[in-house]
């Protein structure tokens, strides 16, 4: 349930994140699980190199209209959303950049 998803995020995440919907000009306080993941980055069509990127795991119900360019403020750092990856089960993974 959505309550169970929220409890998971409260147990392992940050509870005072600020989500800003830049197109609507609105903000909301949500809970998110911030982490770093390794990703492959292609350089001019050549062999990819490994890098890491920040990701945030959030409830889909907290960010129903999220899109690239929106921001997420977590622990004093403002991240820009570069990719939105819903899991179809009520959670959304966000690839971020600073």
N, C-alpha and C. Protein backbone atom coordinates (compact mmCIF):
# COMPACT_ATOMS: atom_id res chain seq x y z
N UNK A 1 0.84 -1.18 0.00
CA UNK A 1 0.00 0.00 0.00
C UNK A 1 0.88 1.25 0.00
N UNK A 2 0.27 2.37 -0.26
CA UNK A 2 1.01 3.62 -0.29
C UNK A 2 1.56 3.96 1.10
N UNK A 3 0.82 3.59 2.15
CA UNK A 3 1.31 3.82 3.52
C UNK A 3 2.57 3.00 3.80
N UNK A 4 2.61 1.77 3.31
CA UNK A 4 3.80 0.92 3.49
C UNK A 4 4.99 1.49 2.73
N UNK A 5 4.74 2.02 1.54
CA UNK A 5 5.83 2.65 0.77
C UNK A 5 6.40 3.84 1.54
N UNK A 6 5.51 4.66 2.11
CA UNK A 6 5.96 5.82 2.88
C UNK A 6 6.76 5.38 4.10
N UNK A 7 6.30 4.35 4.79
CA UNK A 7 7.03 3.88 5.97
C UNK A 7 8.42 3.38 5.60
N UNK A 8 8.53 2.67 4.47
CA UNK A 8 9.84 2.23 3.98
C UNK A 8 10.77 3.43 3.78
N UNK A 9 10.27 4.46 3.10
CA UNK A 9 11.09 5.63 2.85
C UNK A 9 11.45 6.36 4.14
N UNK A 10 10.52 6.42 5.09
CA UNK A 10 10.81 7.06 6.37
C UNK A 10 11.89 6.29 7.13
N UNK A 11 11.86 4.96 7.02
CA UNK A 11 12.84 4.14 7.72
C UNK A 11 14.24 4.26 7.13
N UNK A 12 14.34 4.43 5.82
CA UNK A 12 15.65 4.39 5.16
C UNK A 12 16.03 5.67 4.42
N UNK A 13 15.12 6.62 4.29
CA UNK A 13 15.37 7.80 3.47
C UNK A 13 15.47 9.09 4.27
N UNK A 14 15.28 10.19 3.56
CA UNK A 14 15.32 11.53 4.12
C UNK A 14 13.90 12.08 4.06
N UNK A 15 13.37 12.56 5.20
CA UNK A 15 11.97 12.94 5.25
C UNK A 15 11.66 14.39 4.90
N UNK A 16 12.68 15.22 4.78
CA UNK A 16 12.42 16.63 4.52
C UNK A 16 12.95 17.09 3.17
N UNK A 17 12.64 16.36 2.13
CA UNK A 17 13.06 16.73 0.77
C UNK A 17 12.06 17.71 0.19
N UNK A 18 12.56 18.65 -0.59
CA UNK A 18 11.68 19.63 -1.22
C UNK A 18 11.61 19.35 -2.71
N UNK A 19 10.43 18.94 -3.16
CA UNK A 19 10.19 18.70 -4.58
C UNK A 19 9.62 19.98 -5.18
N UNK A 20 10.23 20.47 -6.27
CA UNK A 20 9.74 21.65 -6.96
C UNK A 20 9.32 21.28 -8.37
N UNK A 21 8.03 21.47 -8.65
CA UNK A 21 7.49 21.29 -10.00
C UNK A 21 7.73 22.61 -10.72
N UNK A 22 8.77 22.65 -11.54
CA UNK A 22 9.18 23.93 -12.15
C UNK A 22 8.16 24.47 -13.14
N UNK A 23 7.41 23.59 -13.82
CA UNK A 23 6.42 24.09 -14.78
C UNK A 23 5.21 24.70 -14.08
N UNK A 24 4.82 24.14 -12.92
CA UNK A 24 3.67 24.67 -12.18
C UNK A 24 4.08 25.71 -11.15
N UNK A 25 5.38 25.75 -10.81
CA UNK A 25 5.85 26.70 -9.81
C UNK A 25 5.42 26.34 -8.39
N UNK A 26 5.21 25.05 -8.14
CA UNK A 26 4.78 24.61 -6.81
C UNK A 26 5.87 23.79 -6.14
N UNK A 27 5.82 23.75 -4.80
CA UNK A 27 6.76 22.93 -4.04
C UNK A 27 5.98 22.05 -3.07
N UNK A 28 6.59 20.94 -2.69
CA UNK A 28 6.00 20.03 -1.71
C UNK A 28 7.13 19.36 -0.94
N UNK A 29 6.87 19.05 0.31
CA UNK A 29 7.83 18.31 1.12
C UNK A 29 7.49 16.83 1.02
N UNK A 30 8.48 16.03 0.60
CA UNK A 30 8.28 14.60 0.41
C UNK A 30 9.42 13.83 1.09
N UNK A 31 9.30 12.51 1.09
CA UNK A 31 10.34 11.64 1.61
C UNK A 31 10.98 10.90 0.45
N UNK A 32 12.31 10.82 0.44
CA UNK A 32 13.02 10.17 -0.66
C UNK A 32 14.21 9.39 -0.12
N UNK A 33 14.58 8.37 -0.84
CA UNK A 33 15.77 7.58 -0.53
C UNK A 33 16.83 7.96 -1.56
N UNK A 34 17.85 8.69 -1.13
CA UNK A 34 18.92 9.15 -2.01
C UNK A 34 20.04 8.13 -2.02
N UNK A 35 20.58 7.83 -3.20
CA UNK A 35 21.70 6.90 -3.31
C UNK A 35 22.51 7.23 -4.55
N UNK A 36 23.72 6.68 -4.62
CA UNK A 36 24.58 6.80 -5.80
C UNK A 36 24.59 5.45 -6.50
N UNK A 37 24.49 5.47 -7.82
CA UNK A 37 24.56 4.24 -8.60
C UNK A 37 25.57 4.42 -9.71
N UNK A 38 26.19 3.32 -10.08
CA UNK A 38 27.12 3.35 -11.20
C UNK A 38 26.34 3.25 -12.50
N UNK A 39 26.71 4.07 -13.47
CA UNK A 39 26.08 4.09 -14.78
C UNK A 39 27.17 4.11 -15.85
N UNK A 40 26.82 3.62 -17.02
CA UNK A 40 27.75 3.67 -18.14
C UNK A 40 27.48 4.92 -18.95
N UNK A 41 28.53 5.66 -19.23
CA UNK A 41 28.42 6.89 -20.00
C UNK A 41 29.16 6.70 -21.31
N UNK A 42 28.46 6.88 -22.44
CA UNK A 42 29.12 6.76 -23.73
C UNK A 42 29.78 8.08 -24.09
N UNK A 43 31.00 7.97 -24.62
CA UNK A 43 31.76 9.15 -24.99
C UNK A 43 31.91 9.16 -26.51
N UNK A 44 31.16 10.03 -27.18
CA UNK A 44 31.22 10.20 -28.63
C UNK A 44 31.11 8.87 -29.38
N UNK A 45 30.18 8.01 -28.96
CA UNK A 45 29.93 6.75 -29.65
C UNK A 45 30.98 5.69 -29.44
N UNK A 46 31.95 5.97 -28.61
CA UNK A 46 33.01 5.02 -28.32
C UNK A 46 32.60 4.13 -27.16
N UNK A 47 33.55 3.36 -26.71
CA UNK A 47 33.30 2.48 -25.57
C UNK A 47 32.91 3.32 -24.36
N UNK A 48 31.89 2.87 -23.64
CA UNK A 48 31.41 3.61 -22.48
C UNK A 48 32.39 3.56 -21.33
N UNK A 49 32.31 4.55 -20.49
CA UNK A 49 33.10 4.59 -19.27
C UNK A 49 32.15 4.56 -18.09
N UNK A 50 32.64 4.05 -16.97
CA UNK A 50 31.80 3.95 -15.79
C UNK A 50 31.88 5.23 -14.99
N UNK A 51 30.73 5.67 -14.52
CA UNK A 51 30.63 6.86 -13.68
C UNK A 51 29.58 6.58 -12.62
N UNK A 52 29.36 7.53 -11.73
CA UNK A 52 28.24 7.35 -10.80
C UNK A 52 27.34 8.55 -10.89
N UNK A 53 26.09 8.34 -10.51
CA UNK A 53 25.10 9.39 -10.58
C UNK A 53 24.19 9.28 -9.36
N UNK A 54 23.68 10.42 -8.88
CA UNK A 54 22.72 10.36 -7.78
C UNK A 54 21.35 9.93 -8.30
N UNK A 55 20.68 9.10 -7.50
CA UNK A 55 19.31 8.67 -7.78
C UNK A 55 18.49 8.88 -6.53
N UNK A 56 17.20 9.12 -6.69
CA UNK A 56 16.27 9.21 -5.56
C UNK A 56 15.09 8.30 -5.84
N UNK A 57 14.69 7.54 -4.83
CA UNK A 57 13.55 6.65 -4.90
C UNK A 57 12.42 7.34 -4.14
N UNK A 58 11.28 7.57 -4.79
CA UNK A 58 10.16 8.31 -4.19
C UNK A 58 8.85 7.59 -4.47
N UNK A 59 7.81 7.95 -3.72
CA UNK A 59 6.48 7.43 -4.03
C UNK A 59 5.93 8.17 -5.24
N UNK A 60 5.37 7.44 -6.17
CA UNK A 60 4.78 8.04 -7.36
C UNK A 60 3.67 9.01 -6.98
N UNK A 61 2.92 8.70 -5.95
CA UNK A 61 1.82 9.57 -5.52
C UNK A 61 2.31 10.93 -5.01
N UNK A 62 3.58 11.01 -4.58
CA UNK A 62 4.14 12.29 -4.12
C UNK A 62 4.58 13.18 -5.27
N UNK A 63 4.81 12.59 -6.44
CA UNK A 63 5.33 13.35 -7.59
C UNK A 63 4.56 12.96 -8.86
N UNK A 64 3.23 13.10 -8.87
CA UNK A 64 2.44 12.57 -9.99
C UNK A 64 2.75 13.20 -11.34
N UNK A 65 3.20 14.44 -11.36
CA UNK A 65 3.45 15.13 -12.63
C UNK A 65 4.92 15.44 -12.85
N UNK A 66 5.81 14.71 -12.18
CA UNK A 66 7.24 15.01 -12.27
C UNK A 66 7.74 14.81 -13.69
N UNK A 67 8.68 15.65 -14.07
CA UNK A 67 9.28 15.55 -15.40
C UNK A 67 10.72 16.07 -15.34
N UNK A 68 11.44 15.83 -16.42
CA UNK A 68 12.81 16.32 -16.50
C UNK A 68 12.82 17.82 -16.27
N UNK A 69 13.81 18.28 -15.52
CA UNK A 69 13.94 19.71 -15.23
C UNK A 69 13.38 20.11 -13.89
N UNK A 70 12.50 19.29 -13.30
CA UNK A 70 12.03 19.57 -11.94
C UNK A 70 13.20 19.39 -10.99
N UNK A 71 13.06 19.88 -9.76
CA UNK A 71 14.18 19.78 -8.82
C UNK A 71 13.77 19.08 -7.53
N UNK A 72 14.77 18.56 -6.85
CA UNK A 72 14.60 17.90 -5.57
C UNK A 72 15.71 18.39 -4.65
N UNK A 73 15.34 19.05 -3.56
CA UNK A 73 16.30 19.53 -2.58
C UNK A 73 16.42 18.52 -1.45
N UNK A 74 17.65 18.00 -1.26
CA UNK A 74 17.88 16.99 -0.24
C UNK A 74 19.13 17.37 0.56
N UNK A 75 18.97 17.53 1.85
CA UNK A 75 20.09 17.81 2.76
C UNK A 75 20.97 18.96 2.28
N UNK A 76 20.35 20.04 1.84
CA UNK A 76 21.09 21.23 1.43
C UNK A 76 21.60 21.24 0.01
N UNK A 77 21.37 20.18 -0.75
CA UNK A 77 21.80 20.13 -2.15
C UNK A 77 20.56 20.10 -3.05
N UNK A 78 20.58 20.91 -4.10
CA UNK A 78 19.48 20.90 -5.05
C UNK A 78 19.89 20.09 -6.27
N UNK A 79 19.08 19.07 -6.56
CA UNK A 79 19.32 18.18 -7.69
C UNK A 79 18.27 18.46 -8.77
N UNK A 80 18.68 18.34 -10.03
CA UNK A 80 17.76 18.46 -11.16
C UNK A 80 17.44 17.06 -11.66
N UNK A 81 16.17 16.81 -11.93
CA UNK A 81 15.73 15.52 -12.44
C UNK A 81 16.11 15.40 -13.91
N UNK A 82 16.85 14.35 -14.26
CA UNK A 82 17.23 14.14 -15.66
C UNK A 82 16.55 12.92 -16.28
N UNK A 83 15.99 12.04 -15.42
CA UNK A 83 15.28 10.87 -15.94
C UNK A 83 14.27 10.42 -14.89
N UNK A 84 13.06 10.09 -15.35
CA UNK A 84 11.99 9.62 -14.47
C UNK A 84 11.70 8.17 -14.85
N UNK A 85 11.81 7.25 -13.86
CA UNK A 85 11.67 5.82 -14.13
C UNK A 85 10.63 5.23 -13.17
N UNK A 86 9.33 5.27 -13.54
CA UNK A 86 8.32 4.65 -12.67
C UNK A 86 8.42 3.13 -12.72
N UNK A 87 8.18 2.47 -11.58
CA UNK A 87 8.28 1.01 -11.56
C UNK A 87 6.94 0.32 -11.81
N UNK A 88 5.86 1.09 -11.94
CA UNK A 88 4.54 0.50 -12.18
C UNK A 88 3.92 -0.10 -10.93
N UNK A 89 4.60 0.02 -9.79
CA UNK A 89 4.12 -0.56 -8.53
C UNK A 89 3.92 0.52 -7.46
N UNK A 90 3.97 1.80 -7.86
CA UNK A 90 3.75 2.88 -6.90
C UNK A 90 4.98 3.63 -6.48
N UNK A 91 6.15 3.25 -7.03
CA UNK A 91 7.39 3.96 -6.72
C UNK A 91 8.01 4.47 -8.02
N UNK A 92 8.78 5.54 -7.90
CA UNK A 92 9.46 6.11 -9.06
C UNK A 92 10.92 6.36 -8.71
N UNK A 93 11.79 5.97 -9.60
CA UNK A 93 13.22 6.20 -9.45
C UNK A 93 13.57 7.44 -10.27
N UNK A 94 14.32 8.34 -9.70
CA UNK A 94 14.71 9.58 -10.38
C UNK A 94 16.21 9.63 -10.52
N UNK A 95 16.69 9.73 -11.77
CA UNK A 95 18.13 9.98 -11.96
C UNK A 95 18.30 11.48 -11.88
N UNK A 96 19.29 11.91 -11.09
CA UNK A 96 19.48 13.32 -10.79
C UNK A 96 20.85 13.80 -11.23
N UNK A 97 21.01 15.12 -11.23
CA UNK A 97 22.34 15.73 -11.38
C UNK A 97 22.38 16.98 -10.52
N UNK A 98 23.59 17.34 -10.12
CA UNK A 98 23.73 18.55 -9.29
C UNK A 98 24.05 19.74 -10.16
